[in-house]
Amino acid sequence: MTDRRDDALSWDGDDDPTLDTGIPADVLATGDSEPEPDPDPAPPALPGGFTAVGKDSDTVGRVEADGSVTMPTDPVPLGNAGLITLGILGGIYALWTIGWIIGGLRVHSVAGFLVSSDGSASPLWTGGNLVAVWLAVLAPAIWFGTVLWLTRGARPWLKWILLFVGAVLLVPWPFIMVGAVGA
């Protein structure tokens, strides 16, 4: 930004202290260069009842009732119950992957009765069916990994809800309907 004195035109009131030019009025009056920024600025803080959101929201502190500022601490790691629950859910997702593999192979033998074929290729393993079967097999692992990755800095309850919802949504229906239970 150029110095206001170098402007081609000046107007009455340009030296008004309420005019925000980004340069303090005492610097404009003396013609000195801009002052050095404060090397230790106060950390950003919000009063109680407000929550910071967005980029770097985890670095915003809290203003306590007595006026002191407390900075956020590191996130609390999972406890024993959280680790055991995460392991159980991971096992369920692994079983769902195996169920989708077995169910997809069993549907292959049944699909010949449902879809007519000219005999040149198996109807299940042609075109989009092959892609759909492999996506179904990989869906539990993708869901589990994505939820863990996207909820790293989020509230813990969000991670647990998404993992439980995924365990319900990704039930291997071909295995249940055609597999061991349906047989």
N, C-alpha and C. Protein backbone atom coordinates (compact mmCIF):
# COMPACT_ATOMS: atom_id res chain seq x y z
N MET A 1 0.85 -1.17 0.00
CA MET A 1 0.00 0.00 0.00
C MET A 1 0.90 1.23 0.00
N THR A 2 0.58 2.19 -0.81
CA THR A 2 1.40 3.40 -0.90
C THR A 2 1.05 4.35 0.23
N ASP A 3 1.96 5.27 0.46
CA ASP A 3 1.77 6.28 1.50
C ASP A 3 0.69 7.25 1.04
N ARG A 4 -0.17 7.69 1.93
CA ARG A 4 -1.29 8.57 1.59
C ARG A 4 -0.77 9.93 1.09
N ARG A 5 0.43 10.31 1.48
CA ARG A 5 0.95 11.60 1.05
C ARG A 5 1.33 11.57 -0.43
N ASP A 6 1.50 10.38 -1.01
CA ASP A 6 1.86 10.26 -2.42
C ASP A 6 0.64 10.29 -3.33
N ASP A 7 -0.55 10.35 -2.77
CA ASP A 7 -1.75 10.39 -3.59
C ASP A 7 -1.78 11.67 -4.41
N ALA A 8 -2.31 11.59 -5.62
CA ALA A 8 -2.39 12.75 -6.48
C ALA A 8 -3.37 13.77 -5.93
N LEU A 9 -4.42 13.30 -5.32
CA LEU A 9 -5.42 14.20 -4.75
C LEU A 9 -5.54 13.91 -3.27
N SER A 10 -5.76 14.92 -2.51
CA SER A 10 -6.05 14.73 -1.09
C SER A 10 -7.32 15.50 -0.79
N TRP A 11 -8.08 14.98 0.10
CA TRP A 11 -9.36 15.55 0.43
C TRP A 11 -9.36 15.99 1.89
N ASP A 12 -10.18 16.97 2.16
CA ASP A 12 -10.30 17.44 3.53
C ASP A 12 -10.89 16.30 4.36
N GLY A 13 -10.25 15.95 5.45
CA GLY A 13 -10.70 14.87 6.31
C GLY A 13 -9.90 13.59 6.11
N ASP A 14 -8.90 13.62 5.21
CA ASP A 14 -8.08 12.43 5.02
C ASP A 14 -7.28 12.08 6.27
N ASP A 15 -7.03 13.05 7.10
CA ASP A 15 -6.26 12.79 8.32
C ASP A 15 -7.18 12.43 9.49
N ASP A 16 -8.44 12.15 9.21
CA ASP A 16 -9.39 11.75 10.23
C ASP A 16 -8.92 10.45 10.88
N PRO A 17 -8.80 10.38 12.21
CA PRO A 17 -8.30 9.16 12.84
C PRO A 17 -9.25 7.97 12.72
N THR A 18 -10.51 8.23 12.39
CA THR A 18 -11.44 7.11 12.24
C THR A 18 -11.36 6.50 10.85
N LEU A 19 -10.63 7.14 9.95
CA LEU A 19 -10.46 6.61 8.60
C LEU A 19 -9.49 5.44 8.67
N ASP A 20 -9.97 4.26 8.32
CA ASP A 20 -9.14 3.06 8.44
C ASP A 20 -8.33 2.88 7.16
N THR A 21 -7.06 3.17 7.23
CA THR A 21 -6.18 3.00 6.07
C THR A 21 -5.28 1.80 6.23
N GLY A 22 -5.32 1.19 7.38
CA GLY A 22 -4.43 0.06 7.64
C GLY A 22 -3.11 0.52 8.23
N ILE A 23 -2.83 1.83 8.21
CA ILE A 23 -1.61 2.39 8.78
C ILE A 23 -2.02 3.30 9.92
N PRO A 24 -1.44 3.12 11.11
CA PRO A 24 -1.82 3.98 12.24
C PRO A 24 -1.58 5.46 11.93
N ALA A 25 -2.40 6.33 12.54
CA ALA A 25 -2.33 7.77 12.28
C ALA A 25 -0.98 8.35 12.67
N ASP A 26 -0.35 7.86 13.75
CA ASP A 26 0.94 8.42 14.15
C ASP A 26 2.04 8.08 13.14
N VAL A 27 1.90 6.99 12.45
CA VAL A 27 2.88 6.64 11.42
C VAL A 27 2.68 7.53 10.21
N LEU A 28 1.41 7.81 9.87
CA LEU A 28 1.13 8.71 8.75
C LEU A 28 1.66 10.10 9.03
N ALA A 29 1.51 10.58 10.26
CA ALA A 29 1.92 11.94 10.61
C ALA A 29 3.44 12.09 10.56
N THR A 30 4.17 11.08 11.00
CA THR A 30 5.63 11.18 11.04
C THR A 30 6.28 10.73 9.75
N GLY A 31 5.58 9.95 8.94
CA GLY A 31 6.15 9.48 7.69
C GLY A 31 7.06 8.28 7.87
N ASP A 32 7.11 7.72 9.07
CA ASP A 32 7.92 6.53 9.30
C ASP A 32 7.31 5.34 8.58
N SER A 33 8.09 4.30 8.49
CA SER A 33 7.55 3.06 7.90
C SER A 33 6.60 2.41 8.90
N GLU A 34 5.93 1.38 8.45
CA GLU A 34 4.95 0.71 9.32
C GLU A 34 5.67 0.08 10.51
N PRO A 35 5.02 0.10 11.67
CA PRO A 35 5.64 -0.52 12.85
C PRO A 35 5.69 -2.04 12.69
N GLU A 36 6.59 -2.65 13.40
CA GLU A 36 6.72 -4.11 13.39
C GLU A 36 5.50 -4.72 14.06
N PRO A 37 5.03 -5.85 13.55
CA PRO A 37 3.88 -6.49 14.20
C PRO A 37 4.28 -7.03 15.57
N ASP A 38 3.28 -7.14 16.43
CA ASP A 38 3.50 -7.65 17.78
C ASP A 38 4.02 -9.09 17.69
N PRO A 39 5.21 -9.38 18.24
CA PRO A 39 5.76 -10.72 18.08
C PRO A 39 4.99 -11.78 18.86
N ASP A 40 4.27 -11.39 19.90
CA ASP A 40 3.53 -12.35 20.70
C ASP A 40 2.08 -11.88 20.84
N PRO A 41 1.29 -12.02 19.73
CA PRO A 41 -0.09 -11.56 19.83
C PRO A 41 -0.91 -12.47 20.73
N ALA A 42 -1.99 -11.92 21.25
CA ALA A 42 -2.86 -12.71 22.13
C ALA A 42 -3.52 -13.82 21.31
N PRO A 43 -3.59 -15.02 21.85
CA PRO A 43 -4.21 -16.12 21.10
C PRO A 43 -5.71 -15.87 20.94
N PRO A 44 -6.29 -16.33 19.85
CA PRO A 44 -7.73 -16.14 19.68
C PRO A 44 -8.50 -16.97 20.70
N ALA A 45 -9.55 -16.38 21.25
CA ALA A 45 -10.34 -17.06 22.27
C ALA A 45 -11.80 -16.62 22.16
N LEU A 46 -12.69 -17.53 22.49
CA LEU A 46 -14.12 -17.26 22.48
C LEU A 46 -14.69 -17.39 23.88
N PRO A 47 -15.72 -16.60 24.20
CA PRO A 47 -16.36 -16.77 25.51
C PRO A 47 -17.18 -18.04 25.54
N GLY A 48 -17.56 -18.47 26.73
CA GLY A 48 -18.36 -19.68 26.90
C GLY A 48 -19.66 -19.61 26.11
N GLY A 49 -20.08 -20.74 25.58
CA GLY A 49 -21.31 -20.79 24.80
C GLY A 49 -21.08 -20.67 23.31
N PHE A 50 -19.88 -20.30 22.89
CA PHE A 50 -19.56 -20.18 21.48
C PHE A 50 -18.61 -21.30 21.08
N THR A 51 -18.75 -21.78 19.84
CA THR A 51 -17.89 -22.84 19.34
C THR A 51 -17.25 -22.37 18.04
N ALA A 52 -15.95 -22.50 17.96
CA ALA A 52 -15.24 -22.14 16.74
C ALA A 52 -15.41 -23.25 15.72
N VAL A 53 -15.61 -22.88 14.47
CA VAL A 53 -15.74 -23.85 13.39
C VAL A 53 -14.83 -23.43 12.25
N GLY A 54 -14.47 -24.38 11.41
CA GLY A 54 -13.67 -24.07 10.23
C GLY A 54 -12.20 -24.36 10.45
N LYS A 55 -11.40 -23.83 9.54
CA LYS A 55 -9.97 -24.08 9.56
C LYS A 55 -9.35 -23.51 10.84
N ASP A 56 -8.49 -24.27 11.44
CA ASP A 56 -7.77 -23.90 12.68
C ASP A 56 -8.71 -23.63 13.85
N SER A 57 -9.91 -24.19 13.84
CA SER A 57 -10.83 -23.98 14.95
C SER A 57 -10.36 -24.71 16.21
N ASP A 58 -9.48 -25.70 16.04
CA ASP A 58 -8.99 -26.43 17.20
C ASP A 58 -7.93 -25.64 17.97
N THR A 59 -7.50 -24.49 17.45
CA THR A 59 -6.50 -23.68 18.15
C THR A 59 -7.12 -22.52 18.91
N VAL A 60 -8.44 -22.37 18.85
CA VAL A 60 -9.12 -21.27 19.52
C VAL A 60 -9.37 -21.65 20.97
N GLY A 61 -8.98 -20.77 21.88
CA GLY A 61 -9.13 -21.03 23.30
C GLY A 61 -10.48 -20.57 23.83
N ARG A 62 -10.64 -20.66 25.14
CA ARG A 62 -11.87 -20.26 25.83
C ARG A 62 -11.56 -19.12 26.80
N VAL A 63 -12.46 -18.15 26.87
CA VAL A 63 -12.36 -17.09 27.86
C VAL A 63 -13.19 -17.52 29.05
N GLU A 64 -12.55 -17.70 30.18
CA GLU A 64 -13.24 -18.14 31.40
C GLU A 64 -13.97 -16.96 32.03
N ALA A 65 -14.79 -17.24 33.05
CA ALA A 65 -15.58 -16.21 33.71
C ALA A 65 -14.70 -15.16 34.40
N ASP A 66 -13.51 -15.57 34.87
CA ASP A 66 -12.63 -14.62 35.53
C ASP A 66 -11.79 -13.81 34.54
N GLY A 67 -11.96 -14.03 33.24
CA GLY A 67 -11.23 -13.28 32.22
C GLY A 67 -9.97 -13.97 31.73
N SER A 68 -9.59 -15.06 32.36
CA SER A 68 -8.39 -15.77 31.90
C SER A 68 -8.72 -16.58 30.65
N VAL A 69 -7.70 -16.85 29.85
CA VAL A 69 -7.85 -17.59 28.61
C VAL A 69 -7.22 -18.97 28.78
N THR A 70 -7.99 -20.01 28.48
CA THR A 70 -7.44 -21.37 28.50
C THR A 70 -7.37 -21.87 27.07
N MET A 71 -6.23 -22.40 26.71
CA MET A 71 -6.04 -22.91 25.36
C MET A 71 -6.44 -24.38 25.30
N PRO A 72 -6.87 -24.84 24.10
CA PRO A 72 -7.30 -26.24 23.99
C PRO A 72 -6.13 -27.19 24.19
N THR A 73 -6.44 -28.35 24.72
CA THR A 73 -5.42 -29.37 24.91
C THR A 73 -5.51 -30.39 23.77
N ASP A 74 -4.59 -31.30 23.75
CA ASP A 74 -4.61 -32.34 22.74
C ASP A 74 -5.86 -33.19 22.91
N PRO A 75 -6.36 -33.77 21.81
CA PRO A 75 -7.56 -34.60 21.95
C PRO A 75 -7.29 -35.82 22.83
N VAL A 76 -8.32 -36.23 23.51
CA VAL A 76 -8.21 -37.37 24.41
C VAL A 76 -8.20 -38.65 23.58
N PRO A 77 -7.23 -39.54 23.79
CA PRO A 77 -7.22 -40.78 23.02
C PRO A 77 -8.36 -41.70 23.45
N LEU A 78 -8.63 -42.69 22.58
CA LEU A 78 -9.69 -43.65 22.91
C LEU A 78 -9.33 -44.42 24.17
N GLY A 79 -10.30 -44.67 24.98
CA GLY A 79 -10.10 -45.49 26.17
C GLY A 79 -10.21 -46.96 25.83
N ASN A 80 -10.19 -47.80 26.85
CA ASN A 80 -10.28 -49.24 26.63
C ASN A 80 -11.60 -49.63 25.98
N ALA A 81 -12.69 -49.07 26.45
CA ALA A 81 -14.00 -49.41 25.89
C ALA A 81 -14.09 -48.99 24.43
N GLY A 82 -13.54 -47.82 24.10
CA GLY A 82 -13.55 -47.36 22.72
C GLY A 82 -12.72 -48.25 21.81
N LEU A 83 -11.55 -48.68 22.29
CA LEU A 83 -10.71 -49.56 21.48
C LEU A 83 -11.36 -50.93 21.27
N ILE A 84 -11.99 -51.45 22.32
CA ILE A 84 -12.66 -52.75 22.18
C ILE A 84 -13.84 -52.63 21.22
N THR A 85 -14.64 -51.57 21.34
CA THR A 85 -15.76 -51.37 20.43
C THR A 85 -15.29 -51.20 19.00
N LEU A 86 -14.20 -50.46 18.81
CA LEU A 86 -13.64 -50.28 17.47
C LEU A 86 -13.17 -51.62 16.90
N GLY A 87 -12.57 -52.45 17.72
CA GLY A 87 -12.14 -53.78 17.27
C GLY A 87 -13.32 -54.67 16.91
N ILE A 88 -14.38 -54.62 17.70
CA ILE A 88 -15.57 -55.42 17.40
C ILE A 88 -16.20 -54.95 16.09
N LEU A 89 -16.32 -53.63 15.92
CA LEU A 89 -16.90 -53.12 14.68
C LEU A 89 -16.01 -53.45 13.48
N GLY A 90 -14.69 -53.38 13.67
CA GLY A 90 -13.78 -53.78 12.59
C GLY A 90 -13.95 -55.24 12.22
N GLY A 91 -14.17 -56.09 13.22
CA GLY A 91 -14.43 -57.51 12.96
C GLY A 91 -15.74 -57.72 12.22
N ILE A 92 -16.76 -56.95 12.60
CA ILE A 92 -18.05 -57.05 11.90
C ILE A 92 -17.88 -56.64 10.44
N TYR A 93 -17.13 -55.57 10.20
CA TYR A 93 -16.91 -55.14 8.82
C TYR A 93 -16.11 -56.19 8.04
N ALA A 94 -15.15 -56.85 8.68
CA ALA A 94 -14.41 -57.93 8.01
C ALA A 94 -15.34 -59.10 7.68
N LEU A 95 -16.23 -59.45 8.60
CA LEU A 95 -17.21 -60.51 8.33
C LEU A 95 -18.16 -60.11 7.21
N TRP A 96 -18.53 -58.83 7.15
CA TRP A 96 -19.40 -58.38 6.07
C TRP A 96 -18.69 -58.51 4.73
N THR A 97 -17.39 -58.24 4.69
CA THR A 97 -16.62 -58.40 3.45
C THR A 97 -16.62 -59.86 3.02
N ILE A 98 -16.38 -60.76 3.95
CA ILE A 98 -16.40 -62.19 3.63
C ILE A 98 -17.80 -62.61 3.19
N GLY A 99 -18.82 -62.10 3.85
CA GLY A 99 -20.20 -62.40 3.47
C GLY A 99 -20.52 -61.93 2.06
N TRP A 100 -20.02 -60.76 1.66
CA TRP A 100 -20.25 -60.27 0.30
C TRP A 100 -19.52 -61.14 -0.72
N ILE A 101 -18.34 -61.63 -0.37
CA ILE A 101 -17.62 -62.52 -1.30
C ILE A 101 -18.42 -63.81 -1.48
N ILE A 102 -18.78 -64.45 -0.38
CA ILE A 102 -19.53 -65.72 -0.46
C ILE A 102 -20.89 -65.50 -1.12
N GLY A 103 -21.58 -64.44 -0.74
CA GLY A 103 -22.88 -64.15 -1.34
C GLY A 103 -22.79 -63.87 -2.83
N GLY A 104 -21.75 -63.15 -3.25
CA GLY A 104 -21.57 -62.87 -4.67
C GLY A 104 -21.28 -64.13 -5.47
N LEU A 105 -20.49 -65.05 -4.90
CA LEU A 105 -20.22 -66.32 -5.59
C LEU A 105 -21.46 -67.20 -5.65
N ARG A 106 -22.25 -67.18 -4.59
CA ARG A 106 -23.47 -67.99 -4.58
C ARG A 106 -24.53 -67.42 -5.53
N VAL A 107 -24.59 -66.12 -5.65
CA VAL A 107 -25.54 -65.50 -6.58
C VAL A 107 -25.15 -65.86 -8.01
N HIS A 108 -23.87 -66.05 -8.24
CA HIS A 108 -23.39 -66.42 -9.58
C HIS A 108 -24.07 -67.69 -10.07
N SER A 109 -24.22 -68.67 -9.19
CA SER A 109 -24.85 -69.92 -9.61
C SER A 109 -26.35 -69.77 -9.78
N VAL A 110 -26.98 -68.86 -9.06
CA VAL A 110 -28.42 -68.66 -9.14
C VAL A 110 -28.77 -67.72 -10.29
N ALA A 111 -27.86 -66.82 -10.64
CA ALA A 111 -28.15 -65.80 -11.65
C ALA A 111 -28.43 -66.41 -13.02
N GLY A 112 -27.88 -67.58 -13.30
CA GLY A 112 -28.13 -68.23 -14.58
C GLY A 112 -29.60 -68.54 -14.78
N PHE A 113 -30.34 -68.77 -13.73
CA PHE A 113 -31.76 -69.04 -13.84
C PHE A 113 -32.58 -67.76 -14.00
N LEU A 114 -32.01 -66.64 -13.55
CA LEU A 114 -32.75 -65.39 -13.56
C LEU A 114 -32.51 -64.55 -14.81
N VAL A 115 -31.32 -64.68 -15.41
CA VAL A 115 -30.95 -63.85 -16.55
C VAL A 115 -30.63 -64.77 -17.71
N SER A 116 -31.26 -64.52 -18.86
CA SER A 116 -30.98 -65.37 -20.01
C SER A 116 -29.61 -65.01 -20.58
N SER A 117 -28.94 -66.00 -21.12
CA SER A 117 -27.60 -65.80 -21.64
C SER A 117 -27.47 -66.55 -22.95
N ASP A 118 -26.65 -66.03 -23.85
CA ASP A 118 -26.44 -66.72 -25.12
C ASP A 118 -25.41 -67.83 -24.99
N GLY A 119 -24.89 -68.02 -23.79
CA GLY A 119 -23.93 -69.09 -23.54
C GLY A 119 -22.49 -68.68 -23.71
N SER A 120 -22.24 -67.47 -24.24
CA SER A 120 -20.86 -67.06 -24.47
C SER A 120 -20.17 -66.62 -23.18
N ALA A 121 -20.89 -66.09 -22.24
CA ALA A 121 -20.29 -65.64 -20.98
C ALA A 121 -21.31 -65.80 -19.87
N SER A 122 -20.81 -65.96 -18.69
CA SER A 122 -21.68 -66.06 -17.53
C SER A 122 -22.33 -64.70 -17.31
N PRO A 123 -23.63 -64.64 -17.07
CA PRO A 123 -24.32 -63.35 -16.95
C PRO A 123 -23.84 -62.52 -15.77
N LEU A 124 -23.40 -63.12 -14.70
CA LEU A 124 -23.00 -62.34 -13.54
C LEU A 124 -21.66 -61.66 -13.74
N TRP A 125 -20.76 -62.28 -14.46
CA TRP A 125 -19.40 -61.76 -14.55
C TRP A 125 -19.17 -60.92 -15.79
N THR A 126 -20.21 -60.45 -16.43
CA THR A 126 -20.05 -59.61 -17.60
C THR A 126 -20.37 -58.16 -17.25
N GLY A 127 -19.64 -57.27 -17.86
CA GLY A 127 -19.91 -55.83 -17.78
C GLY A 127 -19.99 -55.27 -16.38
N GLY A 128 -21.10 -54.59 -16.15
CA GLY A 128 -21.29 -53.89 -14.88
C GLY A 128 -21.49 -54.80 -13.70
N ASN A 129 -21.90 -56.04 -13.95
CA ASN A 129 -22.11 -56.94 -12.82
C ASN A 129 -20.82 -57.25 -12.07
N LEU A 130 -19.75 -57.41 -12.81
CA LEU A 130 -18.46 -57.67 -12.18
C LEU A 130 -18.04 -56.48 -11.31
N VAL A 131 -18.21 -55.28 -11.84
CA VAL A 131 -17.86 -54.08 -11.08
C VAL A 131 -18.74 -53.96 -9.84
N ALA A 132 -20.03 -54.25 -9.97
CA ALA A 132 -20.94 -54.14 -8.84
C ALA A 132 -20.59 -55.14 -7.74
N VAL A 133 -20.22 -56.36 -8.13
CA VAL A 133 -19.86 -57.37 -7.13
C VAL A 133 -18.60 -56.94 -6.38
N TRP A 134 -17.59 -56.46 -7.10
CA TRP A 134 -16.36 -56.04 -6.43
C TRP A 134 -16.55 -54.80 -5.57
N LEU A 135 -17.40 -53.89 -6.01
CA LEU A 135 -17.69 -52.73 -5.16
C LEU A 135 -18.43 -53.16 -3.89
N ALA A 136 -19.32 -54.13 -4.02
CA ALA A 136 -20.02 -54.64 -2.85
C ALA A 136 -19.06 -55.32 -1.90
N VAL A 137 -18.08 -56.05 -2.44
CA VAL A 137 -17.09 -56.72 -1.59
C VAL A 137 -16.20 -55.70 -0.87
N LEU A 138 -15.84 -54.63 -1.56
CA LEU A 138 -14.95 -53.62 -0.97
C LEU A 138 -15.68 -52.57 -0.14
N ALA A 139 -17.00 -52.49 -0.24
CA ALA A 139 -17.76 -51.44 0.44
C ALA A 139 -17.56 -51.41 1.96
N PRO A 140 -17.57 -52.56 2.67
CA PRO A 140 -17.36 -52.47 4.12
C PRO A 140 -15.99 -51.90 4.49
N ALA A 141 -14.95 -52.33 3.79
CA ALA A 141 -13.60 -51.81 4.10
C ALA A 141 -13.50 -50.33 3.75
N ILE A 142 -14.09 -49.93 2.64
CA ILE A 142 -14.07 -48.52 2.24
C ILE A 142 -14.82 -47.67 3.26
N TRP A 143 -15.99 -48.14 3.69
CA TRP A 143 -16.79 -47.39 4.66
C TRP A 143 -16.02 -47.23 5.98
N PHE A 144 -15.48 -48.34 6.48
CA PHE A 144 -14.77 -48.32 7.76
C PHE A 144 -13.57 -47.36 7.70
N GLY A 145 -12.76 -47.49 6.67
CA GLY A 145 -11.59 -46.62 6.53
C GLY A 145 -11.95 -45.16 6.34
N THR A 146 -12.97 -44.90 5.54
CA THR A 146 -13.37 -43.52 5.27
C THR A 146 -13.92 -42.86 6.53
N VAL A 147 -14.73 -43.58 7.29
CA VAL A 147 -15.28 -43.00 8.52
C VAL A 147 -14.14 -42.68 9.50
N LEU A 148 -13.20 -43.59 9.66
CA LEU A 148 -12.09 -43.33 10.58
C LEU A 148 -11.25 -42.16 10.10
N TRP A 149 -11.05 -42.04 8.80
CA TRP A 149 -10.21 -40.97 8.27
C TRP A 149 -10.91 -39.62 8.35
N LEU A 150 -12.19 -39.57 8.01
CA LEU A 150 -12.89 -38.28 7.98
C LEU A 150 -13.30 -37.77 9.35
N THR A 151 -13.37 -38.66 10.35
CA THR A 151 -13.79 -38.22 11.68
C THR A 151 -12.63 -38.15 12.66
N ARG A 152 -11.42 -37.97 12.15
CA ARG A 152 -10.25 -37.87 13.03
C ARG A 152 -10.38 -36.72 14.02
N GLY A 153 -10.76 -35.55 13.55
CA GLY A 153 -10.86 -34.39 14.43
C GLY A 153 -12.28 -34.07 14.85
N ALA A 154 -13.23 -34.91 14.48
CA ALA A 154 -14.64 -34.64 14.79
C ALA A 154 -14.99 -35.14 16.19
N ARG A 155 -16.17 -34.85 16.58
CA ARG A 155 -16.65 -35.33 17.87
C ARG A 155 -16.74 -36.85 17.85
N PRO A 156 -16.42 -37.52 18.95
CA PRO A 156 -16.42 -38.99 18.97
C PRO A 156 -17.76 -39.62 18.65
N TRP A 157 -18.85 -39.02 19.07
CA TRP A 157 -20.16 -39.62 18.83
C TRP A 157 -20.46 -39.73 17.35
N LEU A 158 -19.93 -38.81 16.53
CA LEU A 158 -20.16 -38.86 15.10
C LEU A 158 -19.50 -40.10 14.49
N LYS A 159 -18.30 -40.42 14.95
CA LYS A 159 -17.60 -41.61 14.46
C LYS A 159 -18.40 -42.87 14.78
N TRP A 160 -18.88 -42.97 16.01
CA TRP A 160 -19.59 -44.17 16.43
C TRP A 160 -20.92 -44.32 15.69
N ILE A 161 -21.64 -43.22 15.51
CA ILE A 161 -22.91 -43.29 14.79
C ILE A 161 -22.68 -43.75 13.35
N LEU A 162 -21.69 -43.17 12.67
CA LEU A 162 -21.42 -43.55 11.29
C LEU A 162 -20.96 -45.00 11.17
N LEU A 163 -20.18 -45.47 12.13
CA LEU A 163 -19.75 -46.87 12.08
C LEU A 163 -20.92 -47.82 12.32
N PHE A 164 -21.82 -47.50 13.25
CA PHE A 164 -22.98 -48.35 13.50
C PHE A 164 -23.95 -48.31 12.32
N VAL A 165 -24.15 -47.13 11.71
CA VAL A 165 -25.03 -47.03 10.54
C VAL A 165 -24.46 -47.85 9.39
N GLY A 166 -23.15 -47.79 9.18
CA GLY A 166 -22.53 -48.59 8.13
C GLY A 166 -22.66 -50.07 8.37
N ALA A 167 -22.56 -50.50 9.62
CA ALA A 167 -22.70 -51.93 9.93
C ALA A 167 -24.11 -52.41 9.62
N VAL A 168 -25.09 -51.54 9.75
CA VAL A 168 -26.47 -51.93 9.43
C VAL A 168 -26.72 -51.87 7.92
N LEU A 169 -26.21 -50.82 7.26
CA LEU A 169 -26.46 -50.64 5.83
C LEU A 169 -25.74 -51.66 4.96
N LEU A 170 -24.59 -52.12 5.39
CA LEU A 170 -23.76 -52.97 4.54
C LEU A 170 -23.92 -54.46 4.83
N VAL A 171 -25.03 -54.85 5.43
CA VAL A 171 -25.29 -56.26 5.69
C VAL A 171 -25.25 -57.00 4.36
N PRO A 172 -24.54 -58.13 4.27
CA PRO A 172 -24.44 -58.86 2.99
C PRO A 172 -25.72 -59.64 2.67
N TRP A 173 -26.68 -58.97 2.07
CA TRP A 173 -27.97 -59.59 1.79
C TRP A 173 -27.88 -60.81 0.86
N PRO A 174 -27.02 -60.83 -0.14
CA PRO A 174 -26.93 -62.05 -0.96
C PRO A 174 -26.53 -63.27 -0.12
N PHE A 175 -25.67 -63.09 0.84
CA PHE A 175 -25.26 -64.21 1.70
C PHE A 175 -26.43 -64.65 2.56
N ILE A 176 -27.19 -63.71 3.07
CA ILE A 176 -28.31 -64.04 3.94
C ILE A 176 -29.43 -64.70 3.14
N MET A 177 -29.73 -64.18 1.93
CA MET A 177 -30.85 -64.68 1.16
C MET A 177 -30.52 -65.97 0.39
N VAL A 178 -29.29 -66.08 -0.14
CA VAL A 178 -28.92 -67.22 -0.96
C VAL A 178 -27.88 -68.10 -0.27
N GLY A 179 -27.13 -67.50 0.63
CA GLY A 179 -26.02 -68.20 1.27
C GLY A 179 -26.48 -69.23 2.27
N ALA A 180 -25.81 -69.33 3.37
CA ALA A 180 -26.04 -70.37 4.37
C ALA A 180 -27.45 -70.30 4.95
N VAL A 181 -27.94 -69.09 5.19
CA VAL A 181 -29.25 -68.95 5.81
C VAL A 181 -30.36 -69.28 4.80
N GLY A 182 -30.22 -68.77 3.57
CA GLY A 182 -31.24 -69.00 2.55
C GLY A 182 -31.22 -70.41 1.99
N ALA A 183 -30.12 -71.12 2.15
CA ALA A 183 -30.03 -72.49 1.63
C ALA A 183 -30.83 -73.38 2.53
